[in-house]
Structures are given as structure tokens and as C-alpha cells.
Amino acid sequence: MSTRRTIAAGAWCLAAVLLLSGCLRTDGLATPEGARYRGSLVDSNGKPDPALITALSEKDAARRIDPCSVIDMTAVSALGNVTYAGPQQSLGDCEVLLSDRTGPVVSLSVSMSTMPVFPSNTTTYGTRVGTVPTGDNLCSITVAYNEERAFQYFASGVVGSNPCAELRAVVEASAPLLDRPGQRKTPLKDPCSFLDTLYPAEQTLSVIGLNPSTCDYSLGVRTRADRNRYVVNTITMSRVIADAPPLSARQLQLAGIPAYESSGSEDRCEVTAFVGIDKPFTRIGWDGKSDTYVEVITVHGHGCATIREIAVAAVKTYRAA
């Protein structure tokens, strides 16, 4: 590390000392060998569940899908000039922004994190079953993708508008794209990969959820109070927040990167780690101005010491992949 970077890091921690009684360093972490979380997934009775392993294989496939590829951009362009098309806050979602902030549609998005469980009032989009458009100012349509997953499309408009007609036209044009969705150049990283290094092979795990950029797991069988549940998200966040985290947060240097920690009632804690601090990218914001974003890992659950340990493992695994 250069002298300049060493001084900068020291000054950053000094500011934290003045504001928050210390800059914590959590670089060290002993990691066991031989753990394989995919082979230790259990059902509600604590027994290995092949169905959960199959679900993870489906999630692996979802991590290769580019969600923007299932939005027909020609149909979107008919609604206005597109200023941005790319990751929303969740890496598993795509967001499209339009330049006209007064039209019936100012943005569209698609999420891959919905189950194909529909109410009785359904319709079809091409050859696929989906929901009837509903909403006011914000309209949504969910379309079945496979037996495990559906894609949910959203359109938002100005107050008083109803973008459902426009969204339906986009979804009808987009439905054929679900037959062969485009692939990412680089698949999303498995946010649960760190489980292989953090826990021993005999540790049983319950992993749920469809979001391809979230690891929602419990140690053993999930308890009613969720005391053994932890959620790790990989999201995008403005680079500005890394330099100016909430004043109520405790600033950290976590596995060599800036992070901050917030705690609440019932021993709940959350760590936000700027894992992509050295790989920023530019996107257009709602105000039409460009902003610098980075990938971020958030970890929340009970007990700050435990959450920090999970965050260190998640960050190290993510950056090593």
C-alpha cells in the first residue's frame, strides 16, 4: 500500500473515531475446509432435501440470464427515448428509464424473483400464462417462466396516470423472448458460495428464496423467531454513500474495503460492505444525470459479531471469484 493510501485509510478511520468511537478492522477469519453447502441442504425435518438442491440448480441457470434481454426494447422505444437500461438495485433485476418524465410511462423494470403462483384471474401473453394488469401509477404483470420462476414486469408513470395499457403492449412483445432469454457475459456470482468456507461440512443449512443475487439461509431448521436466519444481498449503490455513510452507522474496514454497520432492537444488525469499490460503473439516475455506482454486499440478522464474521467471508469469497 502506498504512503498516500495508508494516510488516507488512517484519516478515514480517524474520522470514524471522532464520530463513532472507533474504526473496526475485521480482516482475519479462520475458514474450515471441505464444507459443501449444496450437499447439506435440509427440509423442515432436518433431512437432506434433493428438491432444494434442484432449486439451487435452477437458480444457477437464472444467474446466467440477462434480465434486460426479456424486455422488447423496440416496444419500449415506442413509448419514448430510453436513457438507461441496466441493473436496478438488485442485480437480478433490469430497469429501463425514459427521458420524458411527464408521460404515462417513465420507467419499466423486470424482476426474476417471483414464484409462478397466480390468482384465478389470468390471461395469456403469447404462449405463456400471466396475470391481468393491475395497478395505478405503478402497474405490474407477472408471466410464468418455468415451474419454479416467473418474471414480473413493472411500469411506473406520473401521478394520475395508468400505465397498464402500455405495459401490456410491452409484455406481449416481450413474452416470446422468455423462450430463449439472452445470457450475461459473466454470470452473477453465487452469493451463497461463502457458506463453503464459513461452516464445516457437517453443518446443515436451510436456503430459500428465488432472488439470484440473495443468499437467505438458516443454520439447521429455520426457527420461528428467525434467530438462526441470515440474509446476504448483492446490490448496487451510489459510490457517494461509501464516502458519506449514515451518521448513525459504525464505520468499518472489512476485509480491506470500506463498510459500515447499523444495529437495532432485538440484537438485529446489518453490515453494508462496498465490495465493488474498485470497479465502479456509471449509470443514469432518475434526475437524468449520471452517477457512479458500485456493487455492495449487505448482511443482516441477529448479533453484530456474527454478522461481521459472515460479511468478511462473503466479501472474501466474492472478490476471489
Foldseek 3Di string as FASTA:
>chain_A
DDPVVVVVVVVLQVVLCVQPVTAAEAADDAWDADADQLQQEADQVQHGDVVVSVLVVVLQVLLFFAQLQLWDVVLVVVQAAWQFWAADFANQKIKTAHPDQAGLFGIKMKHWFDFPDDDPQWDDQVPWIKHQWDDAQKIKIWTDLDNGTIMIMITGHDHPHDCRVSVSSRNSVSVVCSVPGDTDPDGDDQLCVLVNTHDDRNWHKHFDTNRSQKTWIFGGNQDPVRQRIKMKGKTKDFLVCLVPPDSQWRWYQASNFTKTKDADPPQKIKIKTQLFNVPWDWTADSVRDITIMGIIMMMIHHHPVVRSNSVNSSSVVNNVD
